[in-house]
């Protein structure tokens, strides 16, 4: 598990650095900005990084989602699907693997 976390940390750090670089290259960024303008530039960067972090962490969780939580049968991978979800920070779209249990006939988008 530590190797997965180290790999995830490295990916998130690289994404954070890319997000910061993109924010700092924004032409609107200058020493005459109003607080509202600063908040707008930072807000876009925050939303971009949050989206990427959610997808990475969800992807890490999906790697371990192989059995049905109801009956314990093997789940069948049905491919990736985009889904709009509401989080504590607002609405976002994530790409998640959809699984189906042949025994229970239930479909899952881990994590639940």
PDB file of N, CA and C in Angstrom:
ATOM      1  N   UNK A   1       0.827  -1.201   0.000  1.00  0.00           N
ATOM      2  CA  UNK A   1       0.000   0.000   0.000  1.00  0.00           C
ATOM      3  C   UNK A   1       0.865   1.256   0.000  1.00  0.00           C
ATOM      4  N   UNK A   2       2.007   1.214   0.678  1.00  0.00           N
ATOM      5  CA  UNK A   2       2.894   2.361   0.725  1.00  0.00           C
ATOM      6  C   UNK A   2       3.378   2.741  -0.671  1.00  0.00           C
ATOM      7  N   UNK A   3       3.650   1.745  -1.507  1.00  0.00           N
ATOM      8  CA  UNK A   3       4.093   2.019  -2.872  1.00  0.00           C
ATOM      9  C   UNK A   3       3.008   2.756  -3.647  1.00  0.00           C
ATOM     10  N   UNK A   4       1.740   2.350  -3.483  1.00  0.00           N
ATOM     11  CA  UNK A   4       0.627   3.038  -4.138  1.00  0.00           C
ATOM     12  C   UNK A   4       0.526   4.481  -3.665  1.00  0.00           C
ATOM     13  N   UNK A   5       0.681   4.686  -2.372  1.00  0.00           N
ATOM     14  CA  UNK A   5       0.604   6.044  -1.817  1.00  0.00           C
ATOM     15  C   UNK A   5       1.767   6.902  -2.306  1.00  0.00           C
ATOM     16  N   UNK A   6       2.958   6.318  -2.362  1.00  0.00           N
ATOM     17  CA  UNK A   6       4.119   7.058  -2.858  1.00  0.00           C
ATOM     18  C   UNK A   6       3.921   7.448  -4.320  1.00  0.00           C
ATOM     19  N   UNK A   7       3.388   6.522  -5.109  1.00  0.00           N
ATOM     20  CA  UNK A   7       3.123   6.797  -6.522  1.00  0.00           C
ATOM     21  C   UNK A   7       2.060   7.894  -6.660  1.00  0.00           C
ATOM     22  N   UNK A   8       0.999   7.792  -5.859  1.00  0.00           N
ATOM     23  CA  UNK A   8      -0.065   8.799  -5.880  1.00  0.00           C
ATOM     24  C   UNK A   8       0.482  10.155  -5.459  1.00  0.00           C
ATOM     25  N   UNK A   9       1.304  10.181  -4.420  1.00  0.00           N
ATOM     26  CA  UNK A   9       1.890  11.433  -3.949  1.00  0.00           C
ATOM     27  C   UNK A   9       2.726  12.084  -5.046  1.00  0.00           C
ATOM     28  N   UNK A  10       3.537  11.300  -5.726  1.00  0.00           N
ATOM     29  CA  UNK A  10       4.372  11.827  -6.802  1.00  0.00           C
ATOM     30  C   UNK A  10       3.509  12.414  -7.926  1.00  0.00           C
ATOM     31  N   UNK A  11       2.433  11.717  -8.289  1.00  0.00           N
ATOM     32  CA  UNK A  11       1.545  12.214  -9.348  1.00  0.00           C
ATOM     33  C   UNK A  11       0.861  13.510  -8.927  1.00  0.00           C
ATOM     34  N   UNK A  12       0.379  13.551  -7.674  1.00  0.00           N
ATOM     35  CA  UNK A  12      -0.305  14.747  -7.194  1.00  0.00           C
ATOM     36  C   UNK A  12       0.643  15.933  -7.072  1.00  0.00           C
ATOM     37  N   UNK A  13       1.873  15.684  -6.629  1.00  0.00           N
ATOM     38  CA  UNK A  13       2.862  16.764  -6.552  1.00  0.00           C
ATOM     39  C   UNK A  13       3.171  17.323  -7.935  1.00  0.00           C
ATOM     40  N   UNK A  14       3.308  16.448  -8.919  1.00  0.00           N
ATOM     41  CA  UNK A  14       3.562  16.897 -10.290  1.00  0.00           C
ATOM     42  C   UNK A  14       2.374  17.706 -10.815  1.00  0.00           C
ATOM     43  N   UNK A  15       1.165  17.254 -10.514  1.00  0.00           N
ATOM     44  CA  UNK A  15      -0.022  17.971 -10.962  1.00  0.00           C
ATOM     45  C   UNK A  15      -0.152  19.316 -10.255  1.00  0.00           C
ATOM     46  N   UNK A  16       0.187  19.348  -8.961  1.00  0.00           N
ATOM     47  CA  UNK A  16       0.145  20.610  -8.216  1.00  0.00           C
ATOM     48  C   UNK A  16       1.141  21.601  -8.807  1.00  0.00           C
ATOM     49  N   UNK A  17       2.330  21.128  -9.124  1.00  0.00           N
ATOM     50  CA  UNK A  17       3.345  21.998  -9.713  1.00  0.00           C
ATOM     51  C   UNK A  17       2.890  22.526 -11.074  1.00  0.00           C
ATOM     52  N   UNK A  18       2.297  21.661 -11.890  1.00  0.00           N
ATOM     53  CA  UNK A  18       1.798  22.093 -13.199  1.00  0.00           C
ATOM     54  C   UNK A  18       0.671  23.113 -13.039  1.00  0.00           C
ATOM     55  N   UNK A  19      -0.205  22.899 -12.051  1.00  0.00           N
ATOM     56  CA  UNK A  19      -1.302  23.827 -11.790  1.00  0.00           C
ATOM     57  C   UNK A  19      -0.763  25.186 -11.343  1.00  0.00           C
ATOM     58  N   UNK A  20       0.235  25.181 -10.472  1.00  0.00           N
ATOM     59  CA  UNK A  20       0.843  26.429 -10.010  1.00  0.00           C
ATOM     60  C   UNK A  20       1.519  27.158 -11.170  1.00  0.00           C
ATOM     61  N   UNK A  21       2.267  26.428 -11.998  1.00  0.00           N
ATOM     62  CA  UNK A  21       2.918  27.035 -13.159  1.00  0.00           C
ATOM     63  C   UNK A  21       1.886  27.679 -14.084  1.00  0.00           C
ATOM     64  N   UNK A  22       0.787  26.985 -14.316  1.00  0.00           N
ATOM     65  CA  UNK A  22      -0.266  27.518 -15.178  1.00  0.00           C
ATOM     66  C   UNK A  22      -0.873  28.784 -14.553  1.00  0.00           C
ATOM     67  N   UNK A  23      -1.113  28.747 -13.239  1.00  0.00           N
ATOM     68  CA  UNK A  23      -1.684  29.902 -12.557  1.00  0.00           C
ATOM     69  C   UNK A  23      -0.743  31.110 -12.656  1.00  0.00           C
ATOM     70  N   UNK A  24       0.548  30.878 -12.439  1.00  0.00           N
ATOM     71  CA  UNK A  24       1.512  31.976 -12.466  1.00  0.00           C
ATOM     72  C   UNK A  24       1.728  32.539 -13.867  1.00  0.00           C
ATOM     73  N   UNK A  25       1.391  31.765 -14.899  1.00  0.00           N
ATOM     74  CA  UNK A  25       1.535  32.256 -16.266  1.00  0.00           C
ATOM     75  C   UNK A  25       0.275  32.980 -16.752  1.00  0.00           C
ATOM     76  N   UNK A  26      -0.756  33.009 -15.920  1.00  0.00           N
ATOM     77  CA  UNK A  26      -2.004  33.680 -16.295  1.00  0.00           C
ATOM     78  C   UNK A  26      -1.726  35.170 -16.512  1.00  0.00           C
ATOM     79  N   UNK A  27      -2.112  35.676 -17.686  1.00  0.00           N
ATOM     80  CA  UNK A  27      -1.853  37.068 -18.040  1.00  0.00           C
ATOM     81  C   UNK A  27      -2.557  38.061 -17.117  1.00  0.00           C
ATOM     82  N   UNK A  28      -3.617  37.625 -16.463  1.00  0.00           N
ATOM     83  CA  UNK A  28      -4.342  38.527 -15.558  1.00  0.00           C
ATOM     84  C   UNK A  28      -3.598  38.753 -14.248  1.00  0.00           C
ATOM     85  N   UNK A  29      -2.631  37.880 -13.947  1.00  0.00           N
ATOM     86  CA  UNK A  29      -1.907  37.948 -12.672  1.00  0.00           C
ATOM     87  C   UNK A  29      -0.914  39.111 -12.698  1.00  0.00           C
ATOM     88  N   UNK A  30      -1.157  40.121 -11.856  1.00  0.00           N
ATOM     89  CA  UNK A  30      -0.249  41.263 -11.742  1.00  0.00           C
ATOM     90  C   UNK A  30      -0.394  41.910 -10.367  1.00  0.00           C
ATOM     91  N   UNK A  31       0.449  42.862 -10.074  1.00  0.00           N
ATOM     92  CA  UNK A  31       0.460  43.476  -8.744  1.00  0.00           C
ATOM     93  C   UNK A  31      -0.648  44.514  -8.555  1.00  0.00           C
ATOM     94  N   UNK A  32      -1.479  44.742  -9.566  1.00  0.00           N
ATOM     95  CA  UNK A  32      -2.582  45.702  -9.475  1.00  0.00           C
ATOM     96  C   UNK A  32      -3.946  45.008  -9.362  1.00  0.00           C
ATOM     97  N   UNK A  33      -3.942  43.703  -9.172  1.00  0.00           N
ATOM     98  CA  UNK A  33      -5.191  42.939  -9.145  1.00  0.00           C
ATOM     99  C   UNK A  33      -6.015  43.245  -7.904  1.00  0.00           C
ATOM    100  N   UNK A  34      -7.321  43.211  -8.086  1.00  0.00           N
ATOM    101  CA  UNK A  34      -8.223  43.318  -6.948  1.00  0.00           C
ATOM    102  C   UNK A  34      -8.313  41.950  -6.271  1.00  0.00           C
ATOM    103  N   UNK A  35      -8.823  41.928  -5.069  1.00  0.00           N
ATOM    104  CA  UNK A  35      -8.991  40.668  -4.357  1.00  0.00           C
ATOM    105  C   UNK A  35      -9.910  39.724  -5.135  1.00  0.00           C
ATOM    106  N   UNK A  36     -10.954  40.271  -5.732  1.00  0.00           N
ATOM    107  CA  UNK A  36     -11.875  39.440  -6.525  1.00  0.00           C
ATOM    108  C   UNK A  36     -11.173  38.809  -7.720  1.00  0.00           C
ATOM    109  N   UNK A  37     -10.309  39.572  -8.390  1.00  0.00           N
ATOM    110  CA  UNK A  37      -9.574  39.040  -9.534  1.00  0.00           C
ATOM    111  C   UNK A  37      -8.579  37.961  -9.102  1.00  0.00           C
ATOM    112  N   UNK A  38      -7.909  38.198  -7.983  1.00  0.00           N
ATOM    113  CA  UNK A  38      -6.973  37.200  -7.441  1.00  0.00           C
ATOM    114  C   UNK A  38      -7.734  35.922  -7.110  1.00  0.00           C
ATOM    115  N   UNK A  39      -8.886  36.076  -6.460  1.00  0.00           N
ATOM    116  CA  UNK A  39      -9.697  34.922  -6.092  1.00  0.00           C
ATOM    117  C   UNK A  39     -10.143  34.148  -7.330  1.00  0.00           C
ATOM    118  N   UNK A  40     -10.465  34.854  -8.412  1.00  0.00           N
ATOM    119  CA  UNK A  40     -10.894  34.191  -9.644  1.00  0.00           C
ATOM    120  C   UNK A  40      -9.759  33.361 -10.229  1.00  0.00           C
ATOM    121  N   UNK A  41      -8.546  33.907 -10.276  1.00  0.00           N
ATOM    122  CA  UNK A  41      -7.400  33.174 -10.837  1.00  0.00           C
ATOM    123  C   UNK A  41      -7.074  31.963  -9.970  1.00  0.00           C
ATOM    124  N   UNK A  42      -7.036  32.178  -8.656  1.00  0.00           N
ATOM    125  CA  UNK A  42      -6.725  31.072  -7.741  1.00  0.00           C
ATOM    126  C   UNK A  42      -7.841  30.027  -7.767  1.00  0.00           C
ATOM    127  N   UNK A  43      -9.086  30.471  -7.863  1.00  0.00           N
ATOM    128  CA  UNK A  43     -10.219  29.550  -7.874  1.00  0.00           C
ATOM    129  C   UNK A  43     -10.195  28.588  -9.042  1.00  0.00           C
ATOM    130  N   UNK A  44      -9.823  29.070 -10.212  1.00  0.00           N
ATOM    131  CA  UNK A  44      -9.723  28.196 -11.388  1.00  0.00           C
ATOM    132  C   UNK A  44      -8.647  27.143 -11.148  1.00  0.00           C
ATOM    133  N   UNK A  45      -7.511  27.559 -10.598  1.00  0.00           N
ATOM    134  CA  UNK A  45      -6.422  26.614 -10.319  1.00  0.00           C
ATOM    135  C   UNK A  45      -6.834  25.596  -9.273  1.00  0.00           C
ATOM    136  N   UNK A  46      -7.530  26.059  -8.252  1.00  0.00           N
ATOM    137  CA  UNK A  46      -7.995  25.155  -7.199  1.00  0.00           C
ATOM    138  C   UNK A  46      -8.946  24.107  -7.767  1.00  0.00           C
ATOM    139  N   UNK A  47      -9.888  24.536  -8.588  1.00  0.00           N
ATOM    140  CA  UNK A  47     -10.859  23.610  -9.167  1.00  0.00           C
ATOM    141  C   UNK A  47     -10.170  22.594 -10.075  1.00  0.00           C
ATOM    142  N   UNK A  48      -9.200  23.041 -10.844  1.00  0.00           N
ATOM    143  CA  UNK A  48      -8.466  22.149 -11.737  1.00  0.00           C
ATOM    144  C   UNK A  48      -7.712  21.087 -10.940  1.00  0.00           C
ATOM    145  N   UNK A  49      -7.001  21.512  -9.899  1.00  0.00           N
ATOM    146  CA  UNK A  49      -6.249  20.550  -9.091  1.00  0.00           C
ATOM    147  C   UNK A  49      -7.190  19.598  -8.348  1.00  0.00           C
ATOM    148  N   UNK A  50      -8.280  20.119  -7.806  1.00  0.00           N
ATOM    149  CA  UNK A  50      -9.238  19.274  -7.084  1.00  0.00           C
ATOM    150  C   UNK A  50      -9.786  18.189  -7.999  1.00  0.00           C
ATOM    151  N   UNK A  51     -10.124  18.565  -9.248  1.00  0.00           N
ATOM    152  CA  UNK A  51     -10.641  17.597 -10.224  1.00  0.00           C
ATOM    153  C   UNK A  51      -9.621  16.494 -10.462  1.00  0.00           C
ATOM    154  N   UNK A  52      -8.377  16.871 -10.682  1.00  0.00           N
ATOM    155  CA  UNK A  52      -7.324  15.891 -10.950  1.00  0.00           C
ATOM    156  C   UNK A  52      -7.072  15.008  -9.733  1.00  0.00           C
ATOM    157  N   UNK A  53      -7.067  15.596  -8.543  1.00  0.00           N
ATOM    158  CA  UNK A  53      -6.842  14.813  -7.322  1.00  0.00           C
ATOM    159  C   UNK A  53      -7.973  13.814  -7.096  1.00  0.00           C
ATOM    160  N   UNK A  54      -9.205  14.254  -7.294  1.00  0.00           N
ATOM    161  CA  UNK A  54     -10.347  13.334  -7.154  1.00  0.00           C
ATOM    162  C   UNK A  54     -10.210  12.150  -8.094  1.00  0.00           C
ATOM    163  N   UNK A  55      -9.895  12.421  -9.358  1.00  0.00           N
ATOM    164  CA  UNK A  55      -9.783  11.339 -10.331  1.00  0.00           C
ATOM    165  C   UNK A  55      -8.652  10.380  -9.981  1.00  0.00           C
ATOM    166  N   UNK A  56      -7.525  10.902  -9.523  1.00  0.00           N
ATOM    167  CA  UNK A  56      -6.395  10.042  -9.151  1.00  0.00           C
ATOM    168  C   UNK A  56      -6.739   9.153  -7.954  1.00  0.00           C
ATOM    169  N   UNK A  57      -7.344   9.736  -6.934  1.00  0.00           N
ATOM    170  CA  UNK A  57      -7.665   8.970  -5.716  1.00  0.00           C
ATOM    171  C   UNK A  57      -8.773   7.957  -6.002  1.00  0.00           C
ATOM    172  N   UNK A  58      -9.773   8.351  -6.772  1.00  0.00           N
ATOM    173  CA  UNK A  58     -10.833   7.403  -7.159  1.00  0.00           C
ATOM    174  C   UNK A  58     -10.228   6.265  -7.968  1.00  0.00           C
ATOM    175  N   UNK A  59      -9.327   6.588  -8.882  1.00  0.00           N
ATOM    176  CA  UNK A  59      -8.660   5.566  -9.676  1.00  0.00           C
ATOM    177  C   UNK A  59      -7.896   4.585  -8.813  1.00  0.00           C
ATOM    178  N   UNK A  60      -7.228   5.093  -7.768  1.00  0.00           N
ATOM    179  CA  UNK A  60      -6.480   4.230  -6.847  1.00  0.00           C
ATOM    180  C   UNK A  60      -7.447   3.290  -6.117  1.00  0.00           C
ATOM    181  N   UNK A  61      -8.593   3.795  -5.696  1.00  0.00           N
ATOM    182  CA  UNK A  61      -9.563   2.969  -4.991  1.00  0.00           C
ATOM    183  C   UNK A  61     -10.159   1.910  -5.902  1.00  0.00           C
ATOM    184  N   UNK A  62     -10.376   2.248  -7.156  1.00  0.00           N
ATOM    185  CA  UNK A  62     -10.989   1.306  -8.084  1.00  0.00           C
ATOM    186  C   UNK A  62     -10.107   0.100  -8.343  1.00  0.00           C
ATOM    187  N   UNK A  63      -8.801   0.272  -8.229  1.00  0.00           N
ATOM    188  CA  UNK A  63      -7.891  -0.848  -8.466  1.00  0.00           C
ATOM    189  C   UNK A  63      -8.148  -1.988  -7.486  1.00  0.00           C
ATOM    190  N   UNK A  64      -8.643  -1.658  -6.291  1.00  0.00           N
ATOM    191  CA  UNK A  64      -8.864  -2.691  -5.290  1.00  0.00           C
ATOM    192  C   UNK A  64     -10.323  -3.171  -5.256  1.00  0.00           C
ATOM    193  N   UNK A  65     -11.198  -2.587  -6.069  1.00  0.00           N
ATOM    194  CA  UNK A  65     -12.619  -2.932  -6.081  1.00  0.00           C
ATOM    195  C   UNK A  65     -12.871  -4.079  -7.046  1.00  0.00           C
ATOM    196  N   UNK A  66     -12.767  -5.312  -6.558  1.00  0.00           N
ATOM    197  CA  UNK A  66     -12.908  -6.467  -7.444  1.00  0.00           C
ATOM    198  C   UNK A  66     -14.048  -7.406  -7.061  1.00  0.00           C
ATOM    199  N   UNK A  67     -14.577  -7.284  -5.845  1.00  0.00           N
ATOM    200  CA  UNK A  67     -15.643  -8.186  -5.419  1.00  0.00           C
ATOM    201  C   UNK A  67     -16.894  -7.408  -5.035  1.00  0.00           C
ATOM    202  N   UNK A  68     -18.031  -8.055  -5.223  1.00  0.00           N
ATOM    203  CA  UNK A  68     -19.329  -7.455  -4.921  1.00  0.00           C
ATOM    204  C   UNK A  68     -19.476  -7.249  -3.416  1.00  0.00           C
ATOM    205  N   UNK A  69     -19.872  -6.053  -2.979  1.00  0.00           N
ATOM    206  CA  UNK A  69     -20.052  -5.817  -1.550  1.00  0.00           C
ATOM    207  C   UNK A  69     -21.257  -6.551  -0.967  1.00  0.00           C
ATOM    208  N   UNK A  70     -22.193  -7.013  -1.823  1.00  0.00           N
ATOM    209  CA  UNK A  70     -23.372  -7.729  -1.334  1.00  0.00           C
ATOM    210  C   UNK A  70     -23.149  -9.232  -1.198  1.00  0.00           C
ATOM    211  N   UNK A  71     -22.590  -9.850  -2.248  1.00  0.00           N
ATOM    212  CA  UNK A  71     -22.491 -11.314  -2.228  1.00  0.00           C
ATOM    213  C   UNK A  71     -21.052 -11.839  -2.279  1.00  0.00           C
ATOM    214  N   UNK A  72     -20.095 -10.974  -2.531  1.00  0.00           N
ATOM    215  CA  UNK A  72     -18.700 -11.399  -2.574  1.00  0.00           C
ATOM    216  C   UNK A  72     -18.258 -11.984  -3.905  1.00  0.00           C
ATOM    217  N   UNK A  73     -19.160 -12.030  -4.891  1.00  0.00           N
ATOM    218  CA  UNK A  73     -18.804 -12.557  -6.215  1.00  0.00           C
ATOM    219  C   UNK A  73     -17.850 -11.602  -6.935  1.00  0.00           C
ATOM    220  N   UNK A  74     -17.182 -12.140  -7.926  1.00  0.00           N
ATOM    221  CA  UNK A  74     -16.275 -11.339  -8.743  1.00  0.00           C
ATOM    222  C   UNK A  74     -17.074 -10.323  -9.557  1.00  0.00           C
ATOM    223  N   UNK A  75     -16.642  -9.069  -9.562  1.00  0.00           N
ATOM    224  CA  UNK A  75     -17.299  -8.043 -10.359  1.00  0.00           C
ATOM    225  C   UNK A  75     -16.706  -8.026 -11.762  1.00  0.00           C
ATOM    226  N   UNK A  76     -17.534  -7.727 -12.729  1.00  0.00           N
ATOM    227  CA  UNK A  76     -17.095  -7.642 -14.124  1.00  0.00           C
ATOM    228  C   UNK A  76     -16.907  -6.169 -14.482  1.00  0.00           C
ATOM    229  N   UNK A  77     -15.735  -5.841 -14.983  1.00  0.00           N
ATOM    230  CA  UNK A  77     -15.411  -4.482 -15.387  1.00  0.00           C
ATOM    231  C   UNK A  77     -16.146  -4.161 -16.684  1.00  0.00           C
ATOM    232  N   UNK A  78     -16.957  -3.117 -16.663  1.00  0.00           N
ATOM    233  CA  UNK A  78     -17.742  -2.724 -17.836  1.00  0.00           C
ATOM    234  C   UNK A  78     -17.188  -1.460 -18.506  1.00  0.00           C
ATOM    235  N   UNK A  79     -15.976  -1.051 -18.110  1.00  0.00           N
ATOM    236  CA  UNK A  79     -15.358   0.116 -18.732  1.00  0.00           C
ATOM    237  C   UNK A  79     -15.561   1.385 -17.934  1.00  0.00           C
ATOM    238  N   UNK A  80     -14.934   2.447 -18.415  1.00  0.00           N
ATOM    239  CA  UNK A  80     -15.007   3.734 -17.720  1.00  0.00           C
ATOM    240  C   UNK A  80     -16.173   4.558 -18.247  1.00  0.00           C
ATOM    241  N   UNK A  81     -16.823   5.249 -17.316  1.00  0.00           N
ATOM    242  CA  UNK A  81     -17.934   6.133 -17.633  1.00  0.00           C
ATOM    243  C   UNK A  81     -17.755   7.437 -16.868  1.00  0.00           C
ATOM    244  N   UNK A  82     -18.150   8.524 -17.476  1.00  0.00           N
ATOM    245  CA  UNK A  82     -18.132   9.812 -16.774  1.00  0.00           C
ATOM    246  C   UNK A  82     -19.423   9.947 -15.984  1.00  0.00           C
ATOM    247  N   UNK A  83     -19.286  10.549 -14.798  1.00  0.00           N
ATOM    248  CA  UNK A  83     -20.458  10.755 -13.950  1.00  0.00           C
ATOM    249  C   UNK A  83     -20.324  12.088 -13.244  1.00  0.00           C
ATOM    250  N   UNK A  84     -21.392  12.850 -13.220  1.00  0.00           N
ATOM    251  CA  UNK A  84     -21.418  14.116 -12.502  1.00  0.00           C
ATOM    252  C   UNK A  84     -21.832  13.812 -11.073  1.00  0.00           C
ATOM    253  N   UNK A  85     -21.014  14.278 -10.117  1.00  0.00           N
ATOM    254  CA  UNK A  85     -21.297  14.028  -8.709  1.00  0.00           C
ATOM    255  C   UNK A  85     -21.259  15.345  -7.938  1.00  0.00           C
ATOM    256  N   UNK A  86     -21.978  15.376  -6.833  1.00  0.00           N
ATOM    257  CA  UNK A  86     -21.971  16.534  -5.950  1.00  0.00           C
ATOM    258  C   UNK A  86     -21.120  16.173  -4.740  1.00  0.00           C
ATOM    259  N   UNK A  87     -20.078  16.980  -4.502  1.00  0.00           N
ATOM    260  CA  UNK A  87     -19.188  16.766  -3.366  1.00  0.00           C
ATOM    261  C   UNK A  87     -19.383  17.894  -2.368  1.00  0.00           C
ATOM    262  N   UNK A  88     -18.659  17.859  -1.283  1.00  0.00           N
ATOM    263  CA  UNK A  88     -18.718  18.933  -0.300  1.00  0.00           C
ATOM    264  C   UNK A  88     -18.267  20.270  -0.890  1.00  0.00           C
ATOM    265  N   UNK A  89     -17.434  20.217  -1.929  1.00  0.00           N
ATOM    266  CA  UNK A  89     -16.890  21.425  -2.561  1.00  0.00           C
ATOM    267  C   UNK A  89     -17.681  21.860  -3.790  1.00  0.00           C
ATOM    268  N   UNK A  90     -18.732  21.141  -4.118  1.00  0.00           N
ATOM    269  CA  UNK A  90     -19.536  21.506  -5.275  1.00  0.00           C
ATOM    270  C   UNK A  90     -19.671  20.364  -6.259  1.00  0.00           C
ATOM    271  N   UNK A  91     -20.214  20.668  -7.407  1.00  0.00           N
ATOM    272  CA  UNK A  91     -20.451  19.669  -8.438  1.00  0.00           C
ATOM    273  C   UNK A  91     -19.185  19.484  -9.273  1.00  0.00           C
ATOM    274  N   UNK A  92     -18.897  18.230  -9.619  1.00  0.00           N
ATOM    275  CA  UNK A  92     -17.746  17.929 -10.459  1.00  0.00           C
ATOM    276  C   UNK A  92     -18.040  16.692 -11.283  1.00  0.00           C
ATOM    277  N   UNK A  93     -17.250  16.480 -12.303  1.00  0.00           N
ATOM    278  CA  UNK A  93     -17.411  15.297 -13.145  1.00  0.00           C
ATOM    279  C   UNK A  93     -16.200  14.399 -12.952  1.00  0.00           C
ATOM    280  N   UNK A  94     -16.443  13.116 -12.726  1.00  0.00           N
ATOM    281  CA  UNK A  94     -15.350  12.161 -12.561  1.00  0.00           C
ATOM    282  C   UNK A  94     -15.518  11.026 -13.559  1.00  0.00           C
ATOM    283  N   UNK A  95     -14.403  10.460 -13.949  1.00  0.00           N
ATOM    284  CA  UNK A  95     -14.410   9.302 -14.837  1.00  0.00           C
ATOM    285  C   UNK A  95     -14.110   8.095 -13.962  1.00  0.00           C
ATOM    286  N   UNK A  96     -15.079   7.187 -13.873  1.00  0.00           N
ATOM    287  CA  UNK A  96     -14.943   6.037 -12.991  1.00  0.00           C
ATOM    288  C   UNK A  96     -15.230   4.753 -13.740  1.00  0.00           C
ATOM    289  N   UNK A  97     -14.638   3.679 -13.247  1.00  0.00           N
ATOM    290  CA  UNK A  97     -14.892   2.363 -13.824  1.00  0.00           C
ATOM    291  C   UNK A  97     -16.230   1.848 -13.301  1.00  0.00           C
ATOM    292  N   UNK A  98     -17.039   1.353 -14.193  1.00  0.00           N
ATOM    293  CA  UNK A  98     -18.329   0.781 -13.837  1.00  0.00           C
ATOM    294  C   UNK A  98     -18.171  -0.729 -13.742  1.00  0.00           C
ATOM    295  N   UNK A  99     -18.686  -1.315 -12.659  1.00  0.00           N
ATOM    296  CA  UNK A  99     -18.614  -2.754 -12.440  1.00  0.00           C
ATOM    297  C   UNK A  99     -20.021  -3.332 -12.369  1.00  0.00           C
ATOM    298  N   UNK A 100     -20.135  -4.605 -12.763  1.00  0.00           N
ATOM    299  CA  UNK A 100     -21.421  -5.293 -12.707  1.00  0.00           C
ATOM    300  C   UNK A 100     -21.230  -6.656 -12.068  1.00  0.00           C
ATOM    301  N   UNK A 101     -22.143  -7.019 -11.172  1.00  0.00           N
ATOM    302  CA  UNK A 101     -22.115  -8.340 -10.535  1.00  0.00           C
ATOM    303  C   UNK A 101     -23.102  -9.238 -11.282  1.00  0.00           C
ATOM    304  N   UNK A 102     -22.586 -10.306 -11.869  1.00  0.00           N
ATOM    305  CA  UNK A 102     -23.429 -11.253 -12.605  1.00  0.00           C
ATOM    306  C   UNK A 102     -24.395 -11.984 -11.670  1.00  0.00           C
ATOM    307  N   UNK A 103     -23.982 -12.206 -10.415  1.00  0.00           N
ATOM    308  CA  UNK A 103     -24.804 -12.935  -9.452  1.00  0.00           C
ATOM    309  C   UNK A 103     -25.977 -12.088  -8.961  1.00  0.00           C
ATOM    310  N   UNK A 104     -25.690 -10.884  -8.465  1.00  0.00           N
ATOM    311  CA  UNK A 104     -26.726 -10.003  -7.903  1.00  0.00           C
ATOM    312  C   UNK A 104     -27.420  -9.138  -8.947  1.00  0.00           C
ATOM    313  N   UNK A 105     -26.810  -9.052 -10.129  1.00  0.00           N
ATOM    314  CA  UNK A 105     -27.317  -8.170 -11.184  1.00  0.00           C
ATOM    315  C   UNK A 105     -27.304  -6.699 -10.757  1.00  0.00           C
ATOM    316  N   UNK A 106     -26.349  -6.344  -9.891  1.00  0.00           N
ATOM    317  CA  UNK A 106     -26.197  -4.966  -9.437  1.00  0.00           C
ATOM    318  C   UNK A 106     -25.029  -4.314 -10.161  1.00  0.00           C
ATOM    319  N   UNK A 107     -25.146  -3.018 -10.406  1.00  0.00           N
ATOM    320  CA  UNK A 107     -24.055  -2.258 -10.987  1.00  0.00           C
ATOM    321  C   UNK A 107     -23.457  -1.347  -9.940  1.00  0.00           C
ATOM    322  N   UNK A 108     -22.150  -1.094 -10.058  1.00  0.00           N
ATOM    323  CA  UNK A 108     -21.446  -0.275  -9.068  1.00  0.00           C
ATOM    324  C   UNK A 108     -20.510   0.697  -9.745  1.00  0.00           C
ATOM    325  N   UNK A 109     -20.429   1.879  -9.170  1.00  0.00           N
ATOM    326  CA  UNK A 109     -19.444   2.884  -9.502  1.00  0.00           C
ATOM    327  C   UNK A 109     -18.606   3.131  -8.257  1.00  0.00           C
ATOM    328  N   UNK A 110     -17.651   2.260  -7.941  1.00  0.00           N
ATOM    329  CA  UNK A 110     -16.851   2.485  -6.738  1.00  0.00           C
ATOM    330  C   UNK A 110     -16.064   3.777  -6.851  1.00  0.00           C
ATOM    331  N   UNK A 111     -15.770   4.494  -5.789  1.00  0.00           N
ATOM    332  CA  UNK A 111     -16.297   4.214  -4.453  1.00  0.00           C
ATOM    333  C   UNK A 111     -17.749   4.679  -4.340  1.00  0.00           C
ATOM    334  N   UNK A 112     -18.483   4.030  -3.494  1.00  0.00           N
ATOM    335  CA  UNK A 112     -19.907   4.320  -3.328  1.00  0.00           C
ATOM    336  C   UNK A 112     -20.137   5.509  -2.459  1.00  0.00           C
TER     337      UNK A 112
END
